[in-house]
Amino acid sequence: MTDQHVSPPADDLWSAVDHLWTWLDGHSAHEGREGLLLRILKLQEETGEVAQAVIGATGQNPRKGTTHTWDDVQAELCDVAITALVALRTLTPGTREVFARHLSKVLQRSSGAGGGAGK
């Protein structure tokens, strides 16, 4: 694998997730269970960056003032979504199917067709 960057089309989410997963696996210092756990923990880091951006966009740290924009918050939320999908891809090659099945359940619950709370 070369370091030459070849981007999949931005409108093809699953190809992009596979591309990022392949790239990360080729550049990872850790493999196996440890690599999987670290990739999942990366999600926590990214959610912390969302919180930091919201605090910065609202000026809630009086020592720092307004340090971020709502565009920064949007970008950080995108990083969370990407990181979560790549972590899911690391856990299973059936990422698309697992996600679609879960999304269908969530949509059923939110429309009242699921009959109640729960996962």
PDB file of N, CA and C in Angstrom:
ATOM      1  N   MET A   1       0.842  -1.185   0.000  1.00  0.00           N
ATOM      2  CA  MET A   1       0.000   0.000   0.000  1.00  0.00           C
ATOM      3  C   MET A   1       0.886   1.247   0.000  1.00  0.00           C
ATOM      4  N   THR A   2       0.552   2.203  -0.817  1.00  0.00           N
ATOM      5  CA  THR A   2       1.332   3.437  -0.882  1.00  0.00           C
ATOM      6  C   THR A   2       0.682   4.496  -0.014  1.00  0.00           C
ATOM      7  N   ASP A   3       1.397   5.565   0.225  1.00  0.00           N
ATOM      8  CA  ASP A   3       0.849   6.673   0.989  1.00  0.00           C
ATOM      9  C   ASP A   3       0.084   7.648   0.109  1.00  0.00           C
ATOM     10  N   GLN A   4      -0.005   7.357  -1.183  1.00  0.00           N
ATOM     11  CA  GLN A   4      -0.752   8.219  -2.095  1.00  0.00           C
ATOM     12  C   GLN A   4      -2.211   8.209  -1.684  1.00  0.00           C
ATOM     13  N   HIS A   5      -2.813   9.377  -1.565  1.00  0.00           N
ATOM     14  CA  HIS A   5      -4.189   9.498  -1.093  1.00  0.00           C
ATOM     15  C   HIS A   5      -5.143   9.411  -2.274  1.00  0.00           C
ATOM     16  N   VAL A   6      -6.007   8.415  -2.242  1.00  0.00           N
ATOM     17  CA  VAL A   6      -7.048   8.265  -3.251  1.00  0.00           C
ATOM     18  C   VAL A   6      -8.372   8.289  -2.514  1.00  0.00           C
ATOM     19  N   SER A   7      -9.180   9.298  -2.770  1.00  0.00           N
ATOM     20  CA  SER A   7     -10.440   9.448  -2.060  1.00  0.00           C
ATOM     21  C   SER A   7     -11.576   8.802  -2.823  1.00  0.00           C
ATOM     22  N   PRO A   8     -12.423   8.052  -2.100  1.00  0.00           N
ATOM     23  CA  PRO A   8     -13.640   7.563  -2.735  1.00  0.00           C
ATOM     24  C   PRO A   8     -14.613   8.733  -2.878  1.00  0.00           C
ATOM     25  N   PRO A   9     -15.611   8.606  -3.717  1.00  0.00           N
ATOM     26  CA  PRO A   9     -16.589   9.692  -3.848  1.00  0.00           C
ATOM     27  C   PRO A   9     -17.226  10.003  -2.498  1.00  0.00           C
ATOM     28  N   ALA A  10     -17.365  11.273  -2.179  1.00  0.00           N
ATOM     29  CA  ALA A  10     -17.908  11.683  -0.893  1.00  0.00           C
ATOM     30  C   ALA A  10     -19.353  11.233  -0.713  1.00  0.00           C
ATOM     31  N   ASP A  11     -20.075  11.015  -1.807  1.00  0.00           N
ATOM     32  CA  ASP A  11     -21.477  10.616  -1.682  1.00  0.00           C
ATOM     33  C   ASP A  11     -21.638   9.110  -1.488  1.00  0.00           C
ATOM     34  N   ASP A  12     -20.559   8.364  -1.478  1.00  0.00           N
ATOM     35  CA  ASP A  12     -20.616   6.927  -1.250  1.00  0.00           C
ATOM     36  C   ASP A  12     -20.090   6.635   0.157  1.00  0.00           C
ATOM     37  N   LEU A  13     -20.970   6.761   1.130  1.00  0.00           N
ATOM     38  CA  LEU A  13     -20.608   6.641   2.536  1.00  0.00           C
ATOM     39  C   LEU A  13     -19.894   5.336   2.849  1.00  0.00           C
ATOM     40  N   TRP A  14     -20.425   4.230   2.371  1.00  0.00           N
ATOM     41  CA  TRP A  14     -19.869   2.931   2.761  1.00  0.00           C
ATOM     42  C   TRP A  14     -18.516   2.681   2.118  1.00  0.00           C
ATOM     43  N   SER A  15     -18.305   3.153   0.909  1.00  0.00           N
ATOM     44  CA  SER A  15     -16.976   3.053   0.299  1.00  0.00           C
ATOM     45  C   SER A  15     -15.975   3.903   1.065  1.00  0.00           C
ATOM     46  N   ALA A  16     -16.427   5.066   1.512  1.00  0.00           N
ATOM     47  CA  ALA A  16     -15.553   5.943   2.292  1.00  0.00           C
ATOM     48  C   ALA A  16     -15.194   5.293   3.618  1.00  0.00           C
ATOM     49  N   VAL A  17     -16.162   4.671   4.282  1.00  0.00           N
ATOM     50  CA  VAL A  17     -15.892   3.986   5.549  1.00  0.00           C
ATOM     51  C   VAL A  17     -14.895   2.855   5.316  1.00  0.00           C
ATOM     52  N   ASP A  18     -15.098   2.056   4.271  1.00  0.00           N
ATOM     53  CA  ASP A  18     -14.150   0.979   3.960  1.00  0.00           C
ATOM     54  C   ASP A  18     -12.758   1.523   3.657  1.00  0.00           C
ATOM     55  N   HIS A  19     -12.715   2.622   2.931  1.00  0.00           N
ATOM     56  CA  HIS A  19     -11.434   3.246   2.592  1.00  0.00           C
ATOM     57  C   HIS A  19     -10.689   3.679   3.857  1.00  0.00           C
ATOM     58  N   LEU A  20     -11.408   4.367   4.746  1.00  0.00           N
ATOM     59  CA  LEU A  20     -10.783   4.833   5.987  1.00  0.00           C
ATOM     60  C   LEU A  20     -10.357   3.659   6.871  1.00  0.00           C
ATOM     61  N   TRP A  21     -11.185   2.627   6.948  1.00  0.00           N
ATOM     62  CA  TRP A  21     -10.849   1.444   7.733  1.00  0.00           C
ATOM     63  C   TRP A  21      -9.579   0.777   7.189  1.00  0.00           C
ATOM     64  N   THR A  22      -9.501   0.634   5.875  1.00  0.00           N
ATOM     65  CA  THR A  22      -8.321   0.025   5.247  1.00  0.00           C
ATOM     66  C   THR A  22      -7.077   0.867   5.523  1.00  0.00           C
ATOM     67  N   TRP A  23      -7.203   2.169   5.366  1.00  0.00           N
ATOM     68  CA  TRP A  23      -6.072   3.070   5.601  1.00  0.00           C
ATOM     69  C   TRP A  23      -5.620   2.991   7.059  1.00  0.00           C
ATOM     70  N   LEU A  24      -6.574   3.044   7.988  1.00  0.00           N
ATOM     71  CA  LEU A  24      -6.217   2.986   9.408  1.00  0.00           C
ATOM     72  C   LEU A  24      -5.568   1.657   9.770  1.00  0.00           C
ATOM     73  N   ASP A  25      -6.100   0.559   9.242  1.00  0.00           N
ATOM     74  CA  ASP A  25      -5.503  -0.746   9.533  1.00  0.00           C
ATOM     75  C   ASP A  25      -4.072  -0.833   9.012  1.00  0.00           C
ATOM     76  N   GLY A  26      -3.804  -0.179   7.899  1.00  0.00           N
ATOM     77  CA  GLY A  26      -2.461  -0.182   7.342  1.00  0.00           C
ATOM     78  C   GLY A  26      -1.483   0.698   8.091  1.00  0.00           C
ATOM     79  N   HIS A  27      -2.002   1.592   8.927  1.00  0.00           N
ATOM     80  CA  HIS A  27      -1.152   2.531   9.660  1.00  0.00           C
ATOM     81  C   HIS A  27      -1.297   2.400  11.178  1.00  0.00           C
ATOM     82  N   SER A  28      -1.865   1.312  11.631  1.00  0.00           N
ATOM     83  CA  SER A  28      -2.113   1.132  13.057  1.00  0.00           C
ATOM     84  C   SER A  28      -0.904   0.521  13.757  1.00  0.00           C
ATOM     85  N   ALA A  29      -0.626   1.036  14.935  1.00  0.00           N
ATOM     86  CA  ALA A  29       0.467   0.492  15.746  1.00  0.00           C
ATOM     87  C   ALA A  29       0.002  -0.712  16.560  1.00  0.00           C
ATOM     88  N   HIS A  30      -1.311  -0.939  16.604  1.00  0.00           N
ATOM     89  CA  HIS A  30      -1.876  -2.023  17.418  1.00  0.00           C
ATOM     90  C   HIS A  30      -2.830  -2.846  16.572  1.00  0.00           C
ATOM     91  N   GLU A  31      -2.821  -4.150  16.803  1.00  0.00           N
ATOM     92  CA  GLU A  31      -3.687  -5.049  16.052  1.00  0.00           C
ATOM     93  C   GLU A  31      -4.582  -5.821  17.003  1.00  0.00           C
ATOM     94  N   GLY A  32      -5.457  -6.623  16.429  1.00  0.00           N
ATOM     95  CA  GLY A  32      -6.295  -7.520  17.213  1.00  0.00           C
ATOM     96  C   GLY A  32      -7.214  -6.788  18.167  1.00  0.00           C
ATOM     97  N   ARG A  33      -7.435  -7.442  19.299  1.00  0.00           N
ATOM     98  CA  ARG A  33      -8.365  -6.907  20.300  1.00  0.00           C
ATOM     99  C   ARG A  33      -7.938  -5.524  20.793  1.00  0.00           C
ATOM    100  N   GLU A  34      -6.639  -5.340  21.018  1.00  0.00           N
ATOM    101  CA  GLU A  34      -6.145  -4.045  21.487  1.00  0.00           C
ATOM    102  C   GLU A  34      -6.438  -2.945  20.463  1.00  0.00           C
ATOM    103  N   GLY A  35      -6.200  -3.229  19.185  1.00  0.00           N
ATOM    104  CA  GLY A  35      -6.499  -2.261  18.142  1.00  0.00           C
ATOM    105  C   GLY A  35      -7.980  -1.927  18.079  1.00  0.00           C
ATOM    106  N   LEU A  36      -8.828  -2.943  18.219  1.00  0.00           N
ATOM    107  CA  LEU A  36     -10.276  -2.736  18.219  1.00  0.00           C
ATOM    108  C   LEU A  36     -10.692  -1.853  19.389  1.00  0.00           C
ATOM    109  N   LEU A  37     -10.207  -2.172  20.577  1.00  0.00           N
ATOM    110  CA  LEU A  37     -10.573  -1.386  21.752  1.00  0.00           C
ATOM    111  C   LEU A  37     -10.105   0.059  21.641  1.00  0.00           C
ATOM    112  N   LEU A  38      -8.903   0.267  21.133  1.00  0.00           N
ATOM    113  CA  LEU A  38      -8.399   1.630  20.963  1.00  0.00           C
ATOM    114  C   LEU A  38      -9.207   2.402  19.926  1.00  0.00           C
ATOM    115  N   ARG A  39      -9.651   1.715  18.882  1.00  0.00           N
ATOM    116  CA  ARG A  39     -10.459   2.386  17.857  1.00  0.00           C
ATOM    117  C   ARG A  39     -11.807   2.781  18.428  1.00  0.00           C
ATOM    118  N   ILE A  40     -12.371   1.945  19.286  1.00  0.00           N
ATOM    119  CA  ILE A  40     -13.641   2.285  19.928  1.00  0.00           C
ATOM    120  C   ILE A  40     -13.439   3.437  20.914  1.00  0.00           C
ATOM    121  N   LEU A  41     -12.338   3.422  21.652  1.00  0.00           N
ATOM    122  CA  LEU A  41     -12.049   4.522  22.584  1.00  0.00           C
ATOM    123  C   LEU A  41     -11.851   5.850  21.861  1.00  0.00           C
ATOM    124  N   LYS A  42     -11.409   5.810  20.625  1.00  0.00           N
ATOM    125  CA  LYS A  42     -11.235   7.028  19.828  1.00  0.00           C
ATOM    126  C   LYS A  42     -12.549   7.801  19.733  1.00  0.00           C
ATOM    127  N   LEU A  43     -13.651   7.070  19.769  1.00  0.00           N
ATOM    128  CA  LEU A  43     -14.963   7.708  19.719  1.00  0.00           C
ATOM    129  C   LEU A  43     -15.168   8.642  20.915  1.00  0.00           C
ATOM    130  N   GLN A  44     -14.726   8.217  22.085  1.00  0.00           N
ATOM    131  CA  GLN A  44     -14.834   9.065  23.270  1.00  0.00           C
ATOM    132  C   GLN A  44     -14.018  10.347  23.111  1.00  0.00           C
ATOM    133  N   GLU A  45     -12.841  10.225  22.529  1.00  0.00           N
ATOM    134  CA  GLU A  45     -12.023  11.413  22.281  1.00  0.00           C
ATOM    135  C   GLU A  45     -12.766  12.393  21.372  1.00  0.00           C
ATOM    136  N   GLU A  46     -13.361  11.860  20.333  1.00  0.00           N
ATOM    137  CA  GLU A  46     -14.077  12.720  19.383  1.00  0.00           C
ATOM    138  C   GLU A  46     -15.295  13.389  20.023  1.00  0.00           C
ATOM    139  N   THR A  47     -16.028  12.668  20.878  1.00  0.00           N
ATOM    140  CA  THR A  47     -17.178  13.299  21.531  1.00  0.00           C
ATOM    141  C   THR A  47     -16.721  14.403  22.485  1.00  0.00           C
ATOM    142  N   GLY A  48     -15.552  14.223  23.090  1.00  0.00           N
ATOM    143  CA  GLY A  48     -14.991  15.287  23.919  1.00  0.00           C
ATOM    144  C   GLY A  48     -14.689  16.531  23.106  1.00  0.00           C
ATOM    145  N   GLU A  49     -14.270  16.331  21.869  1.00  0.00           N
ATOM    146  CA  GLU A  49     -13.990  17.477  20.997  1.00  0.00           C
ATOM    147  C   GLU A  49     -15.281  18.202  20.611  1.00  0.00           C
ATOM    148  N   VAL A  50     -16.397  17.464  20.506  1.00  0.00           N
ATOM    149  CA  VAL A  50     -17.694  18.115  20.278  1.00  0.00           C
ATOM    150  C   VAL A  50     -18.025  19.001  21.473  1.00  0.00           C
ATOM    151  N   ALA A  51     -17.862  18.456  22.671  1.00  0.00           N
ATOM    152  CA  ALA A  51     -18.155  19.231  23.881  1.00  0.00           C
ATOM    153  C   ALA A  51     -17.277  20.482  23.950  1.00  0.00           C
ATOM    154  N   GLN A  52     -16.007  20.319  23.644  1.00  0.00           N
ATOM    155  CA  GLN A  52     -15.087  21.465  23.654  1.00  0.00           C
ATOM    156  C   GLN A  52     -15.535  22.528  22.653  1.00  0.00           C
ATOM    157  N   ALA A  53     -15.971  22.100  21.475  1.00  0.00           N
ATOM    158  CA  ALA A  53     -16.412  23.053  20.448  1.00  0.00           C
ATOM    159  C   ALA A  53     -17.699  23.776  20.868  1.00  0.00           C
ATOM    160  N   VAL A  54     -18.628  23.047  21.499  1.00  0.00           N
ATOM    161  CA  VAL A  54     -19.865  23.684  21.971  1.00  0.00           C
ATOM    162  C   VAL A  54     -19.542  24.715  23.056  1.00  0.00           C
ATOM    163  N   ILE A  55     -18.686  24.335  23.989  1.00  0.00           N
ATOM    164  CA  ILE A  55     -18.288  25.269  25.040  1.00  0.00           C
ATOM    165  C   ILE A  55     -17.601  26.483  24.422  1.00  0.00           C
ATOM    166  N   GLY A  56     -16.758  26.248  23.432  1.00  0.00           N
ATOM    167  CA  GLY A  56     -16.078  27.349  22.760  1.00  0.00           C
ATOM    168  C   GLY A  56     -17.006  28.220  21.928  1.00  0.00           C
ATOM    169  N   ALA A  57     -18.015  27.607  21.309  1.00  0.00           N
ATOM    170  CA  ALA A  57     -18.959  28.371  20.478  1.00  0.00           C
ATOM    171  C   ALA A  57     -19.896  29.218  21.324  1.00  0.00           C
ATOM    172  N   THR A  58     -20.166  28.757  22.546  1.00  0.00           N
ATOM    173  CA  THR A  58     -21.074  29.502  23.414  1.00  0.00           C
ATOM    174  C   THR A  58     -20.341  30.404  24.399  1.00  0.00           C
ATOM    175  N   GLY A  59     -19.008  30.366  24.370  1.00  0.00           N
ATOM    176  CA  GLY A  59     -18.216  31.223  25.251  1.00  0.00           C
ATOM    177  C   GLY A  59     -18.358  30.865  26.717  1.00  0.00           C
ATOM    178  N   GLN A  60     -18.588  29.604  27.020  1.00  0.00           N
ATOM    179  CA  GLN A  60     -18.848  29.186  28.399  1.00  0.00           C
ATOM    180  C   GLN A  60     -17.612  29.112  29.281  1.00  0.00           C
ATOM    181  N   ASN A  61     -16.441  29.223  28.709  1.00  0.00           N
ATOM    182  CA  ASN A  61     -15.225  29.269  29.521  1.00  0.00           C
ATOM    183  C   ASN A  61     -14.791  30.731  29.587  1.00  0.00           C
ATOM    184  N   PRO A  62     -15.050  31.388  30.728  1.00  0.00           N
ATOM    185  CA  PRO A  62     -14.747  32.817  30.815  1.00  0.00           C
ATOM    186  C   PRO A  62     -13.262  33.137  30.654  1.00  0.00           C
ATOM    187  N   ARG A  63     -12.421  32.176  30.943  1.00  0.00           N
ATOM    188  CA  ARG A  63     -10.982  32.398  30.783  1.00  0.00           C
ATOM    189  C   ARG A  63     -10.606  32.455  29.312  1.00  0.00           C
ATOM    190  N   LYS A  64     -11.310  31.695  28.469  1.00  0.00           N
ATOM    191  CA  LYS A  64     -10.962  31.617  27.048  1.00  0.00           C
ATOM    192  C   LYS A  64     -11.889  32.424  26.154  1.00  0.00           C
ATOM    193  N   GLY A  65     -13.132  32.618  26.559  1.00  0.00           N
ATOM    194  CA  GLY A  65     -14.095  33.336  25.727  1.00  0.00           C
ATOM    195  C   GLY A  65     -14.596  32.465  24.585  1.00  0.00           C
ATOM    196  N   THR A  66     -15.006  33.087  23.513  1.00  0.00           N
ATOM    197  CA  THR A  66     -15.517  32.361  22.347  1.00  0.00           C
ATOM    198  C   THR A  66     -14.331  31.922  21.497  1.00  0.00           C
ATOM    199  N   THR A  67     -14.140  30.619  21.410  1.00  0.00           N
ATOM    200  CA  THR A  67     -12.975  30.069  20.714  1.00  0.00           C
ATOM    201  C   THR A  67     -13.339  29.222  19.499  1.00  0.00           C
ATOM    202  N   HIS A  68     -14.631  28.893  19.337  1.00  0.00           N
ATOM    203  CA  HIS A  68     -15.083  28.032  18.247  1.00  0.00           C
ATOM    204  C   HIS A  68     -16.323  28.636  17.599  1.00  0.00           C
ATOM    205  N   THR A  69     -16.680  28.100  16.452  1.00  0.00           N
ATOM    206  CA  THR A  69     -17.899  28.499  15.754  1.00  0.00           C
ATOM    207  C   THR A  69     -18.835  27.288  15.688  1.00  0.00           C
ATOM    208  N   TRP A  70     -20.062  27.530  15.272  1.00  0.00           N
ATOM    209  CA  TRP A  70     -20.994  26.414  15.099  1.00  0.00           C
ATOM    210  C   TRP A  70     -20.569  25.544  13.917  1.00  0.00           C
ATOM    211  N   ASP A  71     -19.824  26.113  12.988  1.00  0.00           N
ATOM    212  CA  ASP A  71     -19.237  25.283  11.923  1.00  0.00           C
ATOM    213  C   ASP A  71     -18.238  24.285  12.508  1.00  0.00           C
ATOM    214  N   ASP A  72     -17.486  24.716  13.533  1.00  0.00           N
ATOM    215  CA  ASP A  72     -16.575  23.801  14.217  1.00  0.00           C
ATOM    216  C   ASP A  72     -17.349  22.658  14.878  1.00  0.00           C
ATOM    217  N   VAL A  73     -18.496  22.991  15.481  1.00  0.00           N
ATOM    218  CA  VAL A  73     -19.324  21.966  16.119  1.00  0.00           C
ATOM    219  C   VAL A  73     -19.809  20.970  15.068  1.00  0.00           C
ATOM    220  N   GLN A  74     -20.251  21.477  13.928  1.00  0.00           N
ATOM    221  CA  GLN A  74     -20.696  20.588  12.846  1.00  0.00           C
ATOM    222  C   GLN A  74     -19.574  19.652  12.412  1.00  0.00           C
ATOM    223  N   ALA A  75     -18.387  20.192  12.242  1.00  0.00           N
ATOM    224  CA  ALA A  75     -17.244  19.375  11.817  1.00  0.00           C
ATOM    225  C   ALA A  75     -16.927  18.301  12.857  1.00  0.00           C
ATOM    226  N   GLU A  76     -16.985  18.661  14.128  1.00  0.00           N
ATOM    227  CA  GLU A  76     -16.699  17.688  15.186  1.00  0.00           C
ATOM    228  C   GLU A  76     -17.771  16.603  15.240  1.00  0.00           C
ATOM    229  N   LEU A  77     -19.033  16.979  15.018  1.00  0.00           N
ATOM    230  CA  LEU A  77     -20.092  15.970  14.972  1.00  0.00           C
ATOM    231  C   LEU A  77     -19.885  15.012  13.800  1.00  0.00           C
ATOM    232  N   CYS A  78     -19.425  15.540  12.682  1.00  0.00           N
ATOM    233  CA  CYS A  78     -19.102  14.670  11.539  1.00  0.00           C
ATOM    234  C   CYS A  78     -17.979  13.713  11.902  1.00  0.00           C
ATOM    235  N   ASP A  79     -16.975  14.213  12.621  1.00  0.00           N
ATOM    236  CA  ASP A  79     -15.874  13.341  13.057  1.00  0.00           C
ATOM    237  C   ASP A  79     -16.388  12.214  13.950  1.00  0.00           C
ATOM    238  N   VAL A  80     -17.363  12.514  14.819  1.00  0.00           N
ATOM    239  CA  VAL A  80     -17.949  11.489  15.683  1.00  0.00           C
ATOM    240  C   VAL A  80     -18.635  10.422  14.834  1.00  0.00           C
ATOM    241  N   ALA A  81     -19.436  10.851  13.862  1.00  0.00           N
ATOM    242  CA  ALA A  81     -20.153   9.895  13.011  1.00  0.00           C
ATOM    243  C   ALA A  81     -19.184   9.021  12.219  1.00  0.00           C
ATOM    244  N   ILE A  82     -18.172   9.632  11.654  1.00  0.00           N
ATOM    245  CA  ILE A  82     -17.173   8.887  10.873  1.00  0.00           C
ATOM    246  C   ILE A  82     -16.432   7.900  11.769  1.00  0.00           C
ATOM    247  N   THR A  83     -16.009   8.362  12.936  1.00  0.00           N
ATOM    248  CA  THR A  83     -15.269   7.505  13.858  1.00  0.00           C
ATOM    249  C   THR A  83     -16.124   6.328  14.306  1.00  0.00           C
ATOM    250  N   ALA A  84     -17.398   6.574  14.576  1.00  0.00           N
ATOM    251  CA  ALA A  84     -18.297   5.494  14.990  1.00  0.00           C
ATOM    252  C   ALA A  84     -18.466   4.469  13.877  1.00  0.00           C
ATOM    253  N   LEU A  85     -18.634   4.925  12.649  1.00  0.00           N
ATOM    254  CA  LEU A  85     -18.816   3.983  11.539  1.00  0.00           C
ATOM    255  C   LEU A  85     -17.539   3.193  11.258  1.00  0.00           C
ATOM    256  N   VAL A  86     -16.392   3.826  11.379  1.00  0.00           N
ATOM    257  CA  VAL A  86     -15.132   3.100  11.176  1.00  0.00           C
ATOM    258  C   VAL A  86     -14.913   2.101  12.314  1.00  0.00           C
ATOM    259  N   ALA A  87     -15.280   2.464  13.530  1.00  0.00           N
ATOM    260  CA  ALA A  87     -15.170   1.527  14.651  1.00  0.00           C
ATOM    261  C   ALA A  87     -16.104   0.338  14.435  1.00  0.00           C
ATOM    262  N   LEU A  88     -17.310   0.602  13.954  1.00  0.00           N
ATOM    263  CA  LEU A  88     -18.245  -0.481  13.643  1.00  0.00           C
ATOM    264  C   LEU A  88     -17.685  -1.376  12.543  1.00  0.00           C
ATOM    265  N   ARG A  89     -17.065  -0.773  11.540  1.00  0.00           N
ATOM    266  CA  ARG A  89     -16.442  -1.550  10.458  1.00  0.00           C
ATOM    267  C   ARG A  89     -15.295  -2.401  10.986  1.00  0.00           C
ATOM    268  N   THR A  90     -14.588  -1.907  11.983  1.00  0.00           N
ATOM    269  CA  THR A  90     -13.512  -2.671  12.598  1.00  0.00           C
ATOM    270  C   THR A  90     -14.074  -3.896  13.330  1.00  0.00           C
ATOM    271  N   LEU A  91     -15.237  -3.725  13.912  1.00  0.00           N
ATOM    272  CA  LEU A  91     -15.877  -4.808  14.651  1.00  0.00           C
ATOM    273  C   LEU A  91     -16.483  -5.861  13.735  1.00  0.00           C
ATOM    274  N   THR A  92     -17.015  -5.435  12.582  1.00  0.00           N
ATOM    275  CA  THR A  92     -17.679  -6.379  11.681  1.00  0.00           C
ATOM    276  C   THR A  92     -17.559  -5.929  10.226  1.00  0.00           C
ATOM    277  N   PRO A  93     -17.270  -6.869   9.327  1.00  0.00           N
ATOM    278  CA  PRO A  93     -17.265  -6.502   7.908  1.00  0.00           C
ATOM    279  C   PRO A  93     -18.681  -6.254   7.363  1.00  0.00           C
ATOM    280  N   GLY A  94     -19.698  -6.667   8.119  1.00  0.00           N
ATOM    281  CA  GLY A  94     -21.086  -6.455   7.693  1.00  0.00           C
ATOM    282  C   GLY A  94     -21.643  -5.138   8.188  1.00  0.00           C
ATOM    283  N   THR A  95     -20.825  -4.122   8.190  1.00  0.00           N
ATOM    284  CA  THR A  95     -21.190  -2.818   8.744  1.00  0.00           C
ATOM    285  C   THR A  95     -22.487  -2.277   8.172  1.00  0.00           C
ATOM    286  N   ARG A  96     -22.601  -2.291   6.867  1.00  0.00           N
ATOM    287  CA  ARG A  96     -23.776  -1.719   6.205  1.00  0.00           C
ATOM    288  C   ARG A  96     -25.053  -2.415   6.678  1.00  0.00           C
ATOM    289  N   GLU A  97     -25.027  -3.728   6.720  1.00  0.00           N
ATOM    290  CA  GLU A  97     -26.206  -4.495   7.110  1.00  0.00           C
ATOM    291  C   GLU A  97     -26.534  -4.300   8.595  1.00  0.00           C
ATOM    292  N   VAL A  98     -25.498  -4.315   9.435  1.00  0.00           N
ATOM    293  CA  VAL A  98     -25.707  -4.116  10.876  1.00  0.00           C
ATOM    294  C   VAL A  98     -26.313  -2.737  11.122  1.00  0.00           C
ATOM    295  N   PHE A  99     -25.768  -1.731  10.466  1.00  0.00           N
ATOM    296  CA  PHE A  99     -26.265  -0.368  10.649  1.00  0.00           C
ATOM    297  C   PHE A  99     -27.694  -0.237  10.132  1.00  0.00           C
ATOM    298  N   ALA A 100     -27.968  -0.781   8.950  1.00  0.00           N
ATOM    299  CA  ALA A 100     -29.316  -0.687   8.367  1.00  0.00           C
ATOM    300  C   ALA A 100     -30.340  -1.385   9.258  1.00  0.00           C
ATOM    301  N   ARG A 101     -29.985  -2.541   9.782  1.00  0.00           N
ATOM    302  CA  ARG A 101     -30.891  -3.284  10.660  1.00  0.00           C
ATOM    303  C   ARG A 101     -31.171  -2.482  11.936  1.00  0.00           C
ATOM    304  N   HIS A 102     -30.133  -1.904  12.511  1.00  0.00           N
ATOM    305  CA  HIS A 102     -30.318  -1.128  13.738  1.00  0.00           C
ATOM    306  C   HIS A 102     -31.102   0.156  13.463  1.00  0.00           C
ATOM    307  N   LEU A 103     -30.797   0.821  12.376  1.00  0.00           N
ATOM    308  CA  LEU A 103     -31.519   2.039  12.020  1.00  0.00           C
ATOM    309  C   LEU A 103     -33.003   1.745  11.823  1.00  0.00           C
ATOM    310  N   SER A 104     -33.315   0.621  11.211  1.00  0.00           N
ATOM    311  CA  SER A 104     -34.707   0.227  11.018  1.00  0.00           C
ATOM    312  C   SER A 104     -35.419   0.071  12.361  1.00  0.00           C
ATOM    313  N   LYS A 105     -34.746  -0.545  13.337  1.00  0.00           N
ATOM    314  CA  LYS A 105     -35.325  -0.698  14.673  1.00  0.00           C
ATOM    315  C   LYS A 105     -35.557   0.658  15.334  1.00  0.00           C
ATOM    316  N   VAL A 106     -34.586   1.550  15.205  1.00  0.00           N
ATOM    317  CA  VAL A 106     -34.721   2.883  15.800  1.00  0.00           C
ATOM    318  C   VAL A 106     -35.880   3.629  15.150  1.00  0.00           C
ATOM    319  N   LEU A 107     -35.986   3.544  13.837  1.00  0.00           N
ATOM    320  CA  LEU A 107     -37.088   4.213  13.137  1.00  0.00           C
ATOM    321  C   LEU A 107     -38.439   3.644  13.552  1.00  0.00           C
ATOM    322  N   GLN A 108     -38.521   2.333  13.727  1.00  0.00           N
ATOM    323  CA  GLN A 108     -39.775   1.720  14.190  1.00  0.00           C
ATOM    324  C   GLN A 108     -40.142   2.233  15.575  1.00  0.00           C
ATOM    325  N   ARG A 109     -39.153   2.286  16.481  1.00  0.00           N
ATOM    326  CA  ARG A 109     -39.422   2.779  17.831  1.00  0.00           C
ATOM    327  C   ARG A 109     -39.872   4.239  17.808  1.00  0.00           C
ATOM    328  N   SER A 110     -39.243   5.048  16.971  1.00  0.00           N
ATOM    329  CA  SER A 110     -39.558   6.475  16.974  1.00  0.00           C
ATOM    330  C   SER A 110     -40.906   6.769  16.323  1.00  0.00           C
ATOM    331  N   SER A 111     -41.402   5.836  15.512  1.00  0.00           N
ATOM    332  CA  SER A 111     -42.708   6.063  14.874  1.00  0.00           C
ATOM    333  C   SER A 111     -43.841   5.473  15.697  1.00  0.00           C
ATOM    334  N   GLY A 112     -43.505   4.860  16.833  1.00  0.00           N
ATOM    335  CA  GLY A 112     -44.536   4.259  17.665  1.00  0.00           C
ATOM    336  C   GLY A 112     -44.867   2.839  17.268  1.00  0.00           C
ATOM    337  N   ALA A 113     -44.278   2.354  16.176  1.00  0.00           N
ATOM    338  CA  ALA A 113     -44.585   1.004  15.706  1.00  0.00           C
ATOM    339  C   ALA A 113     -43.875  -0.052  16.529  1.00  0.00           C
ATOM    340  N   GLY A 114     -42.854   0.341  17.272  1.00  0.00           N
ATOM    341  CA  GLY A 114     -42.076  -0.629  18.056  1.00  0.00           C
ATOM    342  C   GLY A 114     -42.740  -1.045  19.346  1.00  0.00           C
ATOM    343  N   GLY A 115     -43.736  -0.303  19.806  1.00  0.00           N
ATOM    344  CA  GLY A 115     -44.483  -0.702  20.973  1.00  0.00           C
ATOM    345  C   GLY A 115     -43.870  -0.388  22.319  1.00  0.00           C
ATOM    346  N   GLY A 116     -42.778   0.348  22.365  1.00  0.00           N
ATOM    347  CA  GLY A 116     -42.248   0.697  23.677  1.00  0.00           C
ATOM    348  C   GLY A 116     -40.795   1.047  23.685  1.00  0.00           C
ATOM    349  N   ALA A 117     -40.291   1.196  24.874  1.00  0.00           N
ATOM    350  CA  ALA A 117     -38.898   1.587  25.067  1.00  0.00           C
ATOM    351  C   ALA A 117     -37.999   0.368  25.014  1.00  0.00           C
ATOM    352  N   GLY A 118     -36.701   0.643  25.039  1.00  0.00           N
ATOM    353  CA  GLY A 118     -35.725  -0.437  25.049  1.00  0.00           C
ATOM    354  C   GLY A 118     -34.808  -0.334  23.856  1.00  0.00           C
ATOM    355  N   LYS A 119     -33.836  -1.250  23.832  1.00  0.00           N
ATOM    356  CA  LYS A 119     -32.864  -1.240  22.742  1.00  0.00           C
ATOM    357  C   LYS A 119     -33.209  -2.237  21.682  1.00  0.00           C
TER     358      LYS A 119
END
